[in-house]
Amino acid sequence: MQQSDYRTQNVEGPLTLRAIFLVVTVNDAQPGAMATVTEMLAGLEDLVKTVGFREPTVRLSCTVGIGARVWSEVCGLKTPFELHPFREIRGEKHTAVSTPGDLLFHIRADREDLAYEFERLLLKQLGDAVTPVDEVVGFRYFDSRDLLGFVDGTANPIGADLPAAALVGGEDPDFTGGSYLVVQKYLHPLADWQALSTEAQEAIIGRTKPDNIELDDAAADAQKSHKTLATITDHEGEHDIVRDNMPFARPAAGEFGTYFIGYARHLWVIEKMLERMFIGDPPGMHDRILDFSTAVTGSTYFVPTPAFLAGLSD
């Protein structure tokens, strides 16, 4: 058994078969709420070990992101340089909404029972100190496809490029090794999407559907694909993020969606990506995937290192 079999703050972790995305707000009016949250964060690694020890091969991990509204009270006065609440992005047709969220727990495992058990114990420890505002249970769909039928996360960096894209460096020395985190829940009208031809779907995404081959970019003044709009480049080159998106569904309720979760060294990279999608490049030419993907949540967090969390007990 290795320490890496179950982890906290697993920003670079591989995609698992199951994931739970839990967003909560802290109940400020509840006496001792902030102290309860701080105590839980400091002991998060112990809780992951307690549950993960039962079956280490399941790769249980929990990554917690902390929002700007509660950062100073929970973590101290020093704040990550770019941390601020999610900023609503309103395009001509679609809006990236901003919704409440003080803590985001990204719980990953290869078995749903261990993920469930961890979430149950986590919420028991937090008690009345928090109110859950969103809970999504995601699953790996075939060969890492979303419910639109395309492979998701193809552009993720690998190897040495991964930490360089996802982890804060010397530009913010108090928070080196941490990561900015943005989450959004998207709902899909699948019947409308499935009514499109495969060729039309591929033009929207920017990749072939069966074999995930990247298509050529459109002309500069033409409608750009999702692949192109979500690629951020400047004079320094291309800026990557790490996506750990997962599909979720309740077929009997007619609910089908994708939970977007992006880790980045620089928050502005994800914000720029969303601006290009929702406002368009040029403005008015929004990402056509948004005609079939409605953002119903949006929140931003900072993911500190395990050592930072453990130090909160001091």
C-alpha atoms as a PDB file:
ATOM      1  CA  MET A   1       0.000   0.000   0.000  1.00  0.00           C
ATOM      2  CA  GLN A   2       1.363   3.402  -0.979  1.00  0.00           C
ATOM      3  CA  GLN A   3       0.535   6.828   0.446  1.00  0.00           C
ATOM      4  CA  SER A   4      -0.623   7.826  -3.050  1.00  0.00           C
ATOM      5  CA  ASP A   5      -3.439   5.245  -2.931  1.00  0.00           C
ATOM      6  CA  TYR A   6      -5.609   7.798  -1.130  1.00  0.00           C
ATOM      7  CA  ARG A   7      -4.882  11.493  -1.115  1.00  0.00           C
ATOM      8  CA  THR A   8      -6.022  15.031  -0.406  1.00  0.00           C
ATOM      9  CA  GLN A   9      -5.639  17.954  -2.801  1.00  0.00           C
ATOM     10  CA  ASN A  10      -5.164  15.572  -5.714  1.00  0.00           C
ATOM     11  CA  VAL A  11      -5.086  18.223  -8.446  1.00  0.00           C
ATOM     12  CA  GLU A  12      -2.990  16.057 -10.773  1.00  0.00           C
ATOM     13  CA  GLY A  13      -4.885  12.839 -10.134  1.00  0.00           C
ATOM     14  CA  PRO A  14      -6.089  10.642 -13.026  1.00  0.00           C
ATOM     15  CA  LEU A  15      -9.738  10.388 -13.986  1.00  0.00           C
ATOM     16  CA  THR A  16     -11.547   7.862 -11.792  1.00  0.00           C
ATOM     17  CA  LEU A  17     -14.689   5.838 -12.499  1.00  0.00           C
ATOM     18  CA  ARG A  18     -16.795   7.861 -10.060  1.00  0.00           C
ATOM     19  CA  ALA A  19     -16.775  11.387  -8.632  1.00  0.00           C
ATOM     20  CA  ILE A  20     -18.931  13.464  -6.318  1.00  0.00           C
ATOM     21  CA  PHE A  21     -18.972  17.244  -6.650  1.00  0.00           C
ATOM     22  CA  LEU A  22     -20.283  18.824  -3.453  1.00  0.00           C
ATOM     23  CA  VAL A  23     -20.722  22.584  -3.045  1.00  0.00           C
ATOM     24  CA  VAL A  24     -21.616  24.016   0.363  1.00  0.00           C
ATOM     25  CA  THR A  25     -22.011  27.431   1.921  1.00  0.00           C
ATOM     26  CA  VAL A  26     -20.843  28.225   5.458  1.00  0.00           C
ATOM     27  CA  ASN A  27     -23.558  29.260   7.899  1.00  0.00           C
ATOM     28  CA  ASP A  28     -22.037  32.462   9.286  1.00  0.00           C
ATOM     29  CA  ALA A  29     -24.842  32.940  11.812  1.00  0.00           C
ATOM     30  CA  GLN A  30     -24.248  29.522  13.331  1.00  0.00           C
ATOM     31  CA  PRO A  31     -22.006  29.898  16.425  1.00  0.00           C
ATOM     32  CA  GLY A  32     -18.642  28.264  15.864  1.00  0.00           C
ATOM     33  CA  ALA A  33     -19.311  27.497  12.181  1.00  0.00           C
ATOM     34  CA  MET A  34     -16.010  28.878  10.918  1.00  0.00           C
ATOM     35  CA  ALA A  35     -14.077  27.050  13.642  1.00  0.00           C
ATOM     36  CA  THR A  36     -15.810  23.791  12.694  1.00  0.00           C
ATOM     37  CA  VAL A  37     -14.884  24.284   9.045  1.00  0.00           C
ATOM     38  CA  THR A  38     -11.267  25.103   9.882  1.00  0.00           C
ATOM     39  CA  GLU A  39     -10.994  22.028  12.095  1.00  0.00           C
ATOM     40  CA  MET A  40     -12.451  19.810   9.382  1.00  0.00           C
ATOM     41  CA  LEU A  41     -10.061  21.168   6.735  1.00  0.00           C
ATOM     42  CA  ALA A  42      -7.075  20.600   9.010  1.00  0.00           C
ATOM     43  CA  GLY A  43      -8.129  16.984   9.527  1.00  0.00           C
ATOM     44  CA  LEU A  44      -9.203  16.253   5.956  1.00  0.00           C
ATOM     45  CA  GLU A  45      -6.225  14.002   5.240  1.00  0.00           C
ATOM     46  CA  ASP A  46      -7.024  11.844   8.273  1.00  0.00           C
ATOM     47  CA  LEU A  47     -10.600  11.399   7.085  1.00  0.00           C
ATOM     48  CA  VAL A  48      -9.448  10.369   3.603  1.00  0.00           C
ATOM     49  CA  LYS A  49      -7.089   7.822   5.189  1.00  0.00           C
ATOM     50  CA  THR A  50      -9.833   6.491   7.472  1.00  0.00           C
ATOM     51  CA  VAL A  51     -12.096   5.670   4.541  1.00  0.00           C
ATOM     52  CA  GLY A  52      -9.461   4.931   1.895  1.00  0.00           C
ATOM     53  CA  PHE A  53      -7.608   2.422   4.081  1.00  0.00           C
ATOM     54  CA  ARG A  54     -10.498  -0.041   3.615  1.00  0.00           C
ATOM     55  CA  GLU A  55      -9.669  -0.505  -0.075  1.00  0.00           C
ATOM     56  CA  PRO A  56      -6.548   1.415  -1.175  1.00  0.00           C
ATOM     57  CA  THR A  57      -6.741   0.250  -4.796  1.00  0.00           C
ATOM     58  CA  VAL A  58      -9.961   2.257  -5.248  1.00  0.00           C
ATOM     59  CA  ARG A  59      -7.911   5.504  -5.379  1.00  0.00           C
ATOM     60  CA  LEU A  60     -10.108   7.540  -3.027  1.00  0.00           C
ATOM     61  CA  SER A  61      -9.173  11.219  -2.893  1.00  0.00           C
ATOM     62  CA  CYS A  62     -10.757  14.490  -1.862  1.00  0.00           C
ATOM     63  CA  THR A  63      -9.720  17.878  -3.144  1.00  0.00           C
ATOM     64  CA  VAL A  64     -11.242  20.896  -1.407  1.00  0.00           C
ATOM     65  CA  GLY A  65     -11.420  24.382  -2.864  1.00  0.00           C
ATOM     66  CA  ILE A  66     -12.077  27.397  -0.637  1.00  0.00           C
ATOM     67  CA  GLY A  67     -14.006  30.417  -1.879  1.00  0.00           C
ATOM     68  CA  ALA A  68     -13.116  34.079  -1.520  1.00  0.00           C
ATOM     69  CA  ARG A  69     -16.046  34.903   0.779  1.00  0.00           C
ATOM     70  CA  VAL A  70     -14.745  32.757   3.643  1.00  0.00           C
ATOM     71  CA  TRP A  71     -11.037  32.599   2.839  1.00  0.00           C
ATOM     72  CA  SER A  72      -9.785  35.168   5.368  1.00  0.00           C
ATOM     73  CA  GLU A  73     -11.844  33.796   8.266  1.00  0.00           C
ATOM     74  CA  VAL A  74     -10.921  30.176   7.588  1.00  0.00           C
ATOM     75  CA  CYS A  75      -7.372  30.489   6.268  1.00  0.00           C
ATOM     76  CA  GLY A  76      -5.979  33.819   7.453  1.00  0.00           C
ATOM     77  CA  LEU A  77      -5.532  37.283   6.014  1.00  0.00           C
ATOM     78  CA  LYS A  78      -3.125  36.387   3.205  1.00  0.00           C
ATOM     79  CA  THR A  79      -5.172  35.689   0.095  1.00  0.00           C
ATOM     80  CA  PRO A  80      -4.153  34.032  -3.183  1.00  0.00           C
ATOM     81  CA  PHE A  81      -3.385  36.783  -5.663  1.00  0.00           C
ATOM     82  CA  GLU A  82      -6.146  36.050  -8.201  1.00  0.00           C
ATOM     83  CA  LEU A  83      -8.857  34.681  -5.905  1.00  0.00           C
ATOM     84  CA  HIS A  84     -12.259  36.356  -6.218  1.00  0.00           C
ATOM     85  CA  PRO A  85     -15.878  35.186  -6.575  1.00  0.00           C
ATOM     86  CA  PHE A  86     -17.008  33.831  -9.945  1.00  0.00           C
ATOM     87  CA  ARG A  87     -17.831  36.737 -12.232  1.00  0.00           C
ATOM     88  CA  GLU A  88     -20.982  36.396 -14.302  1.00  0.00           C
ATOM     89  CA  ILE A  89     -20.322  36.510 -18.044  1.00  0.00           C
ATOM     90  CA  ARG A  90     -23.294  37.701 -20.071  1.00  0.00           C
ATOM     91  CA  GLY A  91     -23.225  37.226 -23.824  1.00  0.00           C
ATOM     92  CA  GLU A  92     -25.834  38.220 -26.362  1.00  0.00           C
ATOM     93  CA  LYS A  93     -27.540  34.840 -26.088  1.00  0.00           C
ATOM     94  CA  HIS A  94     -26.043  32.864 -23.199  1.00  0.00           C
ATOM     95  CA  THR A  95     -24.905  33.638 -19.648  1.00  0.00           C
ATOM     96  CA  ALA A  96     -22.289  32.009 -17.430  1.00  0.00           C
ATOM     97  CA  VAL A  97     -24.147  32.422 -14.155  1.00  0.00           C
ATOM     98  CA  SER A  98     -22.550  32.997 -10.759  1.00  0.00           C
ATOM     99  CA  THR A  99     -24.009  30.920  -7.914  1.00  0.00           C
ATOM    100  CA  PRO A 100     -23.238  30.585  -4.170  1.00  0.00           C
ATOM    101  CA  GLY A 101     -20.415  28.358  -2.973  1.00  0.00           C
ATOM    102  CA  ASP A 102     -17.898  28.659  -0.128  1.00  0.00           C
ATOM    103  CA  LEU A 103     -16.367  25.171  -0.296  1.00  0.00           C
ATOM    104  CA  LEU A 104     -16.142  22.698  -3.176  1.00  0.00           C
ATOM    105  CA  PHE A 105     -15.335  19.067  -2.400  1.00  0.00           C
ATOM    106  CA  HIS A 106     -14.151  17.018  -5.392  1.00  0.00           C
ATOM    107  CA  ILE A 107     -14.394  13.424  -4.193  1.00  0.00           C
ATOM    108  CA  ARG A 108     -12.935  10.796  -6.525  1.00  0.00           C
ATOM    109  CA  ALA A 109     -12.841   7.002  -6.390  1.00  0.00           C
ATOM    110  CA  ASP A 110     -13.144   3.931  -8.572  1.00  0.00           C
ATOM    111  CA  ARG A 111     -16.053   2.654  -6.464  1.00  0.00           C
ATOM    112  CA  GLU A 112     -19.171   4.598  -5.593  1.00  0.00           C
ATOM    113  CA  ASP A 113     -19.523   3.083  -2.111  1.00  0.00           C
ATOM    114  CA  LEU A 114     -16.248   4.550  -0.817  1.00  0.00           C
ATOM    115  CA  ALA A 115     -17.049   7.946  -2.325  1.00  0.00           C
ATOM    116  CA  TYR A 116     -20.459   7.832  -0.653  1.00  0.00           C
ATOM    117  CA  GLU A 117     -19.006   6.783   2.697  1.00  0.00           C
ATOM    118  CA  PHE A 118     -16.478   9.595   2.611  1.00  0.00           C
ATOM    119  CA  GLU A 119     -19.148  12.190   1.782  1.00  0.00           C
ATOM    120  CA  ARG A 120     -21.400  10.882   4.554  1.00  0.00           C
ATOM    121  CA  LEU A 121     -18.686  11.196   7.185  1.00  0.00           C
ATOM    122  CA  LEU A 122     -17.578  14.570   5.849  1.00  0.00           C
ATOM    123  CA  LEU A 123     -21.073  16.055   6.155  1.00  0.00           C
ATOM    124  CA  LYS A 124     -21.455  14.491   9.595  1.00  0.00           C
ATOM    125  CA  GLN A 125     -18.313  16.287  10.760  1.00  0.00           C
ATOM    126  CA  LEU A 126     -19.452  19.609   9.292  1.00  0.00           C
ATOM    127  CA  GLY A 127     -22.968  19.326  10.734  1.00  0.00           C
ATOM    128  CA  ASP A 128     -24.900  22.591  10.977  1.00  0.00           C
ATOM    129  CA  ALA A 129     -21.821  24.639  10.094  1.00  0.00           C
ATOM    130  CA  VAL A 130     -22.626  24.340   6.372  1.00  0.00           C
ATOM    131  CA  THR A 131     -25.556  24.070   3.988  1.00  0.00           C
ATOM    132  CA  PRO A 132     -25.161  21.913   0.851  1.00  0.00           C
ATOM    133  CA  VAL A 133     -26.259  23.904  -2.213  1.00  0.00           C
ATOM    134  CA  ASP A 134     -25.321  21.496  -5.003  1.00  0.00           C
ATOM    135  CA  GLU A 135     -24.429  17.811  -5.201  1.00  0.00           C
ATOM    136  CA  VAL A 136     -23.636  15.980  -8.426  1.00  0.00           C
ATOM    137  CA  VAL A 137     -22.603  12.343  -8.776  1.00  0.00           C
ATOM    138  CA  GLY A 138     -20.582  11.839 -11.950  1.00  0.00           C
ATOM    139  CA  PHE A 139     -19.484   8.716 -13.756  1.00  0.00           C
ATOM    140  CA  ARG A 140     -16.943   7.799 -16.389  1.00  0.00           C
ATOM    141  CA  TYR A 141     -18.796   7.213 -19.676  1.00  0.00           C
ATOM    142  CA  PHE A 142     -17.181   4.663 -22.002  1.00  0.00           C
ATOM    143  CA  ASP A 143     -13.770   5.946 -23.163  1.00  0.00           C
ATOM    144  CA  SER A 144     -13.998   9.258 -21.234  1.00  0.00           C
ATOM    145  CA  ARG A 145     -16.801  10.658 -23.401  1.00  0.00           C
ATOM    146  CA  ASP A 146     -19.381  13.241 -22.411  1.00  0.00           C
ATOM    147  CA  LEU A 147     -23.079  12.648 -22.989  1.00  0.00           C
ATOM    148  CA  LEU A 148     -22.812  14.537 -26.279  1.00  0.00           C
ATOM    149  CA  GLY A 149     -20.770  11.571 -27.485  1.00  0.00           C
ATOM    150  CA  PHE A 150     -17.322  13.206 -27.747  1.00  0.00           C
ATOM    151  CA  VAL A 151     -14.145  12.376 -25.840  1.00  0.00           C
ATOM    152  CA  ASP A 152     -13.689  14.996 -23.102  1.00  0.00           C
ATOM    153  CA  GLY A 153     -10.396  16.273 -21.707  1.00  0.00           C
ATOM    154  CA  THR A 154      -8.277  15.496 -24.766  1.00  0.00           C
ATOM    155  CA  ALA A 155      -6.380  18.787 -24.454  1.00  0.00           C
ATOM    156  CA  ASN A 156      -5.259  18.126 -20.873  1.00  0.00           C
ATOM    157  CA  PRO A 157      -1.511  18.555 -20.376  1.00  0.00           C
ATOM    158  CA  ILE A 158       0.497  15.463 -19.477  1.00  0.00           C
ATOM    159  CA  GLY A 159       3.872  14.748 -17.906  1.00  0.00           C
ATOM    160  CA  ALA A 160       5.927  17.765 -16.882  1.00  0.00           C
ATOM    161  CA  ASP A 161       3.432  20.083 -18.596  1.00  0.00           C
ATOM    162  CA  LEU A 162       0.667  19.136 -16.154  1.00  0.00           C
ATOM    163  CA  PRO A 163       1.958  20.765 -12.939  1.00  0.00           C
ATOM    164  CA  ALA A 164       3.176  23.748 -14.945  1.00  0.00           C
ATOM    165  CA  ALA A 165      -0.389  24.330 -16.142  1.00  0.00           C
ATOM    166  CA  ALA A 166      -2.257  23.530 -12.927  1.00  0.00           C
ATOM    167  CA  LEU A 167      -0.077  24.562  -9.973  1.00  0.00           C
ATOM    168  CA  VAL A 168       0.828  28.061  -8.783  1.00  0.00           C
ATOM    169  CA  GLY A 169       4.549  28.774  -8.943  1.00  0.00           C
ATOM    170  CA  GLY A 170       6.895  31.442  -7.678  1.00  0.00           C
ATOM    171  CA  GLU A 171       4.631  34.255  -8.870  1.00  0.00           C
ATOM    172  CA  ASP A 172       2.660  33.867  -5.582  1.00  0.00           C
ATOM    173  CA  PRO A 173       5.165  32.312  -3.148  1.00  0.00           C
ATOM    174  CA  ASP A 174       2.764  32.064  -0.190  1.00  0.00           C
ATOM    175  CA  PHE A 175       0.572  29.744  -2.233  1.00  0.00           C
ATOM    176  CA  THR A 176       3.045  27.845  -4.397  1.00  0.00           C
ATOM    177  CA  GLY A 177       1.730  24.376  -5.220  1.00  0.00           C
ATOM    178  CA  GLY A 178      -1.919  25.395  -4.924  1.00  0.00           C
ATOM    179  CA  SER A 179      -4.376  25.760  -7.776  1.00  0.00           C
ATOM    180  CA  TYR A 180      -7.316  27.887  -8.902  1.00  0.00           C
ATOM    181  CA  LEU A 181     -10.520  25.957  -9.447  1.00  0.00           C
ATOM    182  CA  VAL A 182     -13.678  26.799 -11.396  1.00  0.00           C
ATOM    183  CA  VAL A 183     -16.778  24.598 -11.545  1.00  0.00           C
ATOM    184  CA  GLN A 184     -19.934  24.843 -13.645  1.00  0.00           C
ATOM    185  CA  LYS A 185     -22.861  22.467 -14.031  1.00  0.00           C
ATOM    186  CA  TYR A 186     -24.146  22.248 -17.611  1.00  0.00           C
ATOM    187  CA  LEU A 187     -27.456  20.687 -18.656  1.00  0.00           C
ATOM    188  CA  HIS A 188     -27.948  19.284 -22.168  1.00  0.00           C
ATOM    189  CA  PRO A 189     -31.177  19.021 -24.202  1.00  0.00           C
ATOM    190  CA  LEU A 190     -29.997  15.731 -25.661  1.00  0.00           C
ATOM    191  CA  ALA A 191     -32.867  15.293 -28.099  1.00  0.00           C
ATOM    192  CA  ASP A 192     -31.964  18.600 -29.786  1.00  0.00           C
ATOM    193  CA  TRP A 193     -28.284  17.650 -29.971  1.00  0.00           C
ATOM    194  CA  GLN A 194     -28.995  14.186 -31.310  1.00  0.00           C
ATOM    195  CA  ALA A 195     -31.182  15.696 -34.033  1.00  0.00           C
ATOM    196  CA  LEU A 196     -28.033  17.211 -35.571  1.00  0.00           C
ATOM    197  CA  SER A 197     -26.017  15.308 -38.125  1.00  0.00           C
ATOM    198  CA  THR A 198     -22.658  13.927 -37.020  1.00  0.00           C
ATOM    199  CA  GLU A 199     -20.948  16.406 -39.342  1.00  0.00           C
ATOM    200  CA  ALA A 200     -22.759  19.340 -37.707  1.00  0.00           C
ATOM    201  CA  GLN A 201     -21.817  18.091 -34.243  1.00  0.00           C
ATOM    202  CA  GLU A 202     -18.172  17.720 -35.284  1.00  0.00           C
ATOM    203  CA  ALA A 203     -18.101  21.271 -36.678  1.00  0.00           C
ATOM    204  CA  ILE A 204     -19.351  22.609 -33.327  1.00  0.00           C
ATOM    205  CA  ILE A 205     -16.864  20.616 -31.230  1.00  0.00           C
ATOM    206  CA  GLY A 206     -13.878  20.844 -33.590  1.00  0.00           C
ATOM    207  CA  ARG A 207     -13.063  17.124 -33.501  1.00  0.00           C
ATOM    208  CA  THR A 208     -14.283  13.994 -35.223  1.00  0.00           C
ATOM    209  CA  LYS A 209     -16.747  12.006 -33.169  1.00  0.00           C
ATOM    210  CA  PRO A 210     -15.671   8.370 -33.650  1.00  0.00           C
ATOM    211  CA  ASP A 211     -11.884   8.750 -33.369  1.00  0.00           C
ATOM    212  CA  ASN A 212     -11.389  12.168 -31.726  1.00  0.00           C
ATOM    213  CA  ILE A 213      -9.200  13.630 -34.473  1.00  0.00           C
ATOM    214  CA  GLU A 214      -8.735  17.411 -34.288  1.00  0.00           C
ATOM    215  CA  LEU A 215     -10.254  19.331 -37.197  1.00  0.00           C
ATOM    216  CA  ASP A 216      -8.642  22.357 -38.833  1.00  0.00           C
ATOM    217  CA  ASP A 217      -9.476  25.758 -37.360  1.00  0.00           C
ATOM    218  CA  ALA A 218     -11.995  27.921 -39.146  1.00  0.00           C
ATOM    219  CA  ALA A 219     -10.940  31.055 -40.988  1.00  0.00           C
ATOM    220  CA  ALA A 220     -10.203  34.053 -38.770  1.00  0.00           C
ATOM    221  CA  ASP A 221     -13.526  35.762 -39.498  1.00  0.00           C
ATOM    222  CA  ALA A 222     -15.649  32.570 -39.420  1.00  0.00           C
ATOM    223  CA  GLN A 223     -17.532  30.848 -36.608  1.00  0.00           C
ATOM    224  CA  LYS A 224     -14.981  29.115 -34.393  1.00  0.00           C
ATOM    225  CA  SER A 225     -15.411  25.658 -32.889  1.00  0.00           C
ATOM    226  CA  HIS A 226     -15.521  24.871 -29.176  1.00  0.00           C
ATOM    227  CA  LYS A 227     -11.993  23.458 -29.436  1.00  0.00           C
ATOM    228  CA  THR A 228     -10.664  26.725 -30.827  1.00  0.00           C
ATOM    229  CA  LEU A 229     -12.545  29.055 -28.469  1.00  0.00           C
ATOM    230  CA  ALA A 230     -11.413  27.049 -25.437  1.00  0.00           C
ATOM    231  CA  THR A 231      -7.743  27.305 -26.470  1.00  0.00           C
ATOM    232  CA  ILE A 232      -6.007  30.317 -24.917  1.00  0.00           C
ATOM    233  CA  THR A 233      -2.815  31.634 -26.493  1.00  0.00           C
ATOM    234  CA  ASP A 234      -0.806  34.844 -26.205  1.00  0.00           C
ATOM    235  CA  HIS A 235       2.769  36.001 -26.750  1.00  0.00           C
ATOM    236  CA  GLU A 236       3.945  33.395 -24.217  1.00  0.00           C
ATOM    237  CA  GLY A 237       2.320  30.544 -26.114  1.00  0.00           C
ATOM    238  CA  GLU A 238      -0.611  28.292 -25.221  1.00  0.00           C
ATOM    239  CA  HIS A 239      -1.975  28.311 -21.672  1.00  0.00           C
ATOM    240  CA  ASP A 240      -3.387  24.946 -20.593  1.00  0.00           C
ATOM    241  CA  ILE A 241      -5.726  23.987 -17.766  1.00  0.00           C
ATOM    242  CA  VAL A 242      -6.510  20.576 -16.285  1.00  0.00           C
ATOM    243  CA  ARG A 243     -10.105  19.435 -16.805  1.00  0.00           C
ATOM    244  CA  ASP A 244     -11.608  16.602 -14.772  1.00  0.00           C
ATOM    245  CA  ASN A 245     -15.113  16.882 -16.221  1.00  0.00           C
ATOM    246  CA  MET A 246     -17.652  14.125 -15.724  1.00  0.00           C
ATOM    247  CA  PRO A 247     -21.077  13.379 -17.136  1.00  0.00           C
ATOM    248  CA  PHE A 248     -24.085  12.922 -14.870  1.00  0.00           C
ATOM    249  CA  ALA A 249     -27.651  11.897 -15.608  1.00  0.00           C
ATOM    250  CA  ARG A 250     -31.090  11.078 -14.266  1.00  0.00           C
ATOM    251  CA  PRO A 251     -32.791   9.622 -17.334  1.00  0.00           C
ATOM    252  CA  ALA A 252     -36.187   9.197 -15.663  1.00  0.00           C
ATOM    253  CA  ALA A 253     -36.176  12.910 -14.843  1.00  0.00           C
ATOM    254  CA  GLY A 254     -34.896  13.866 -18.292  1.00  0.00           C
ATOM    255  CA  GLU A 255     -31.718  15.360 -16.818  1.00  0.00           C
ATOM    256  CA  PHE A 256     -28.442  14.977 -18.701  1.00  0.00           C
ATOM    257  CA  GLY A 257     -25.344  17.049 -18.140  1.00  0.00           C
ATOM    258  CA  THR A 258     -21.641  17.658 -17.829  1.00  0.00           C
ATOM    259  CA  TYR A 259     -19.949  18.889 -14.676  1.00  0.00           C
ATOM    260  CA  PHE A 260     -17.097  21.150 -15.761  1.00  0.00           C
ATOM    261  CA  ILE A 261     -14.229  21.325 -13.297  1.00  0.00           C
ATOM    262  CA  GLY A 262     -11.051  23.116 -14.283  1.00  0.00           C
ATOM    263  CA  TYR A 263      -7.809  23.493 -12.341  1.00  0.00           C
ATOM    264  CA  ALA A 264      -5.375  26.203 -13.408  1.00  0.00           C
ATOM    265  CA  ARG A 265      -2.178  27.928 -12.360  1.00  0.00           C
ATOM    266  CA  HIS A 266      -3.777  31.224 -13.389  1.00  0.00           C
ATOM    267  CA  LEU A 267      -7.473  31.950 -12.866  1.00  0.00           C
ATOM    268  CA  TRP A 268      -7.480  34.435 -15.737  1.00  0.00           C
ATOM    269  CA  VAL A 269      -6.902  31.592 -18.210  1.00  0.00           C
ATOM    270  CA  ILE A 270     -10.225  29.928 -17.363  1.00  0.00           C
ATOM    271  CA  GLU A 271     -11.972  33.296 -17.261  1.00  0.00           C
ATOM    272  CA  LYS A 272     -10.650  34.162 -20.715  1.00  0.00           C
ATOM    273  CA  MET A 273     -11.792  30.806 -22.030  1.00  0.00           C
ATOM    274  CA  LEU A 274     -15.317  31.391 -20.717  1.00  0.00           C
ATOM    275  CA  GLU A 275     -15.398  34.923 -22.124  1.00  0.00           C
ATOM    276  CA  ARG A 276     -14.511  33.570 -25.568  1.00  0.00           C
ATOM    277  CA  MET A 277     -17.213  30.923 -25.264  1.00  0.00           C
ATOM    278  CA  PHE A 278     -20.054  33.080 -23.962  1.00  0.00           C
ATOM    279  CA  ILE A 279     -19.288  36.464 -25.559  1.00  0.00           C
ATOM    280  CA  GLY A 280     -17.645  35.118 -28.695  1.00  0.00           C
ATOM    281  CA  ASP A 281     -14.547  35.842 -30.725  1.00  0.00           C
ATOM    282  CA  PRO A 282     -15.359  38.165 -32.337  1.00  0.00           C
ATOM    283  CA  PRO A 283     -18.144  39.264 -29.926  1.00  0.00           C
ATOM    284  CA  GLY A 284     -21.534  37.958 -30.962  1.00  0.00           C
ATOM    285  CA  MET A 285     -20.185  34.678 -32.344  1.00  0.00           C
ATOM    286  CA  HIS A 286     -20.571  32.563 -29.216  1.00  0.00           C
ATOM    287  CA  ASP A 287     -19.517  28.951 -28.818  1.00  0.00           C
ATOM    288  CA  ARG A 288     -22.284  26.955 -30.509  1.00  0.00           C
ATOM    289  CA  ILE A 289     -21.971  24.187 -27.915  1.00  0.00           C
ATOM    290  CA  LEU A 290     -23.820  26.601 -25.591  1.00  0.00           C
ATOM    291  CA  ASP A 291     -26.941  26.186 -27.742  1.00  0.00           C
ATOM    292  CA  PHE A 292     -26.987  22.643 -26.349  1.00  0.00           C
ATOM    293  CA  SER A 293     -25.311  23.165 -22.945  1.00  0.00           C
ATOM    294  CA  THR A 294     -26.881  25.508 -20.384  1.00  0.00           C
ATOM    295  CA  ALA A 295     -24.740  26.636 -17.439  1.00  0.00           C
ATOM    296  CA  VAL A 296     -26.867  26.511 -14.279  1.00  0.00           C
ATOM    297  CA  THR A 297     -24.086  27.012 -11.705  1.00  0.00           C
ATOM    298  CA  GLY A 298     -20.726  28.779 -11.547  1.00  0.00           C
ATOM    299  CA  SER A 299     -18.278  29.261  -8.671  1.00  0.00           C
ATOM    300  CA  THR A 300     -14.551  29.810  -8.087  1.00  0.00           C
ATOM    301  CA  TYR A 301     -12.165  28.505  -5.416  1.00  0.00           C
ATOM    302  CA  PHE A 302      -8.530  28.156  -4.451  1.00  0.00           C
ATOM    303  CA  VAL A 303      -7.086  24.726  -3.692  1.00  0.00           C
ATOM    304  CA  PRO A 304      -4.289  25.008  -1.099  1.00  0.00           C
ATOM    305  CA  THR A 305      -1.663  22.322  -0.593  1.00  0.00           C
ATOM    306  CA  PRO A 306      -2.100  19.467   1.926  1.00  0.00           C
ATOM    307  CA  ALA A 307       0.575  21.068   4.123  1.00  0.00           C
ATOM    308  CA  PHE A 308      -1.359  24.360   4.115  1.00  0.00           C
ATOM    309  CA  LEU A 309      -4.537  22.572   5.233  1.00  0.00           C
ATOM    310  CA  ALA A 310      -2.761  20.636   7.955  1.00  0.00           C
ATOM    311  CA  GLY A 311      -1.241  23.887   9.208  1.00  0.00           C
ATOM    312  CA  LEU A 312      -4.679  25.347   9.893  1.00  0.00           C
ATOM    313  CA  SER A 313      -4.730  23.383  13.126  1.00  0.00           C
ATOM    314  CA  ASP A 314      -1.994  25.691  14.425  1.00  0.00           C
END
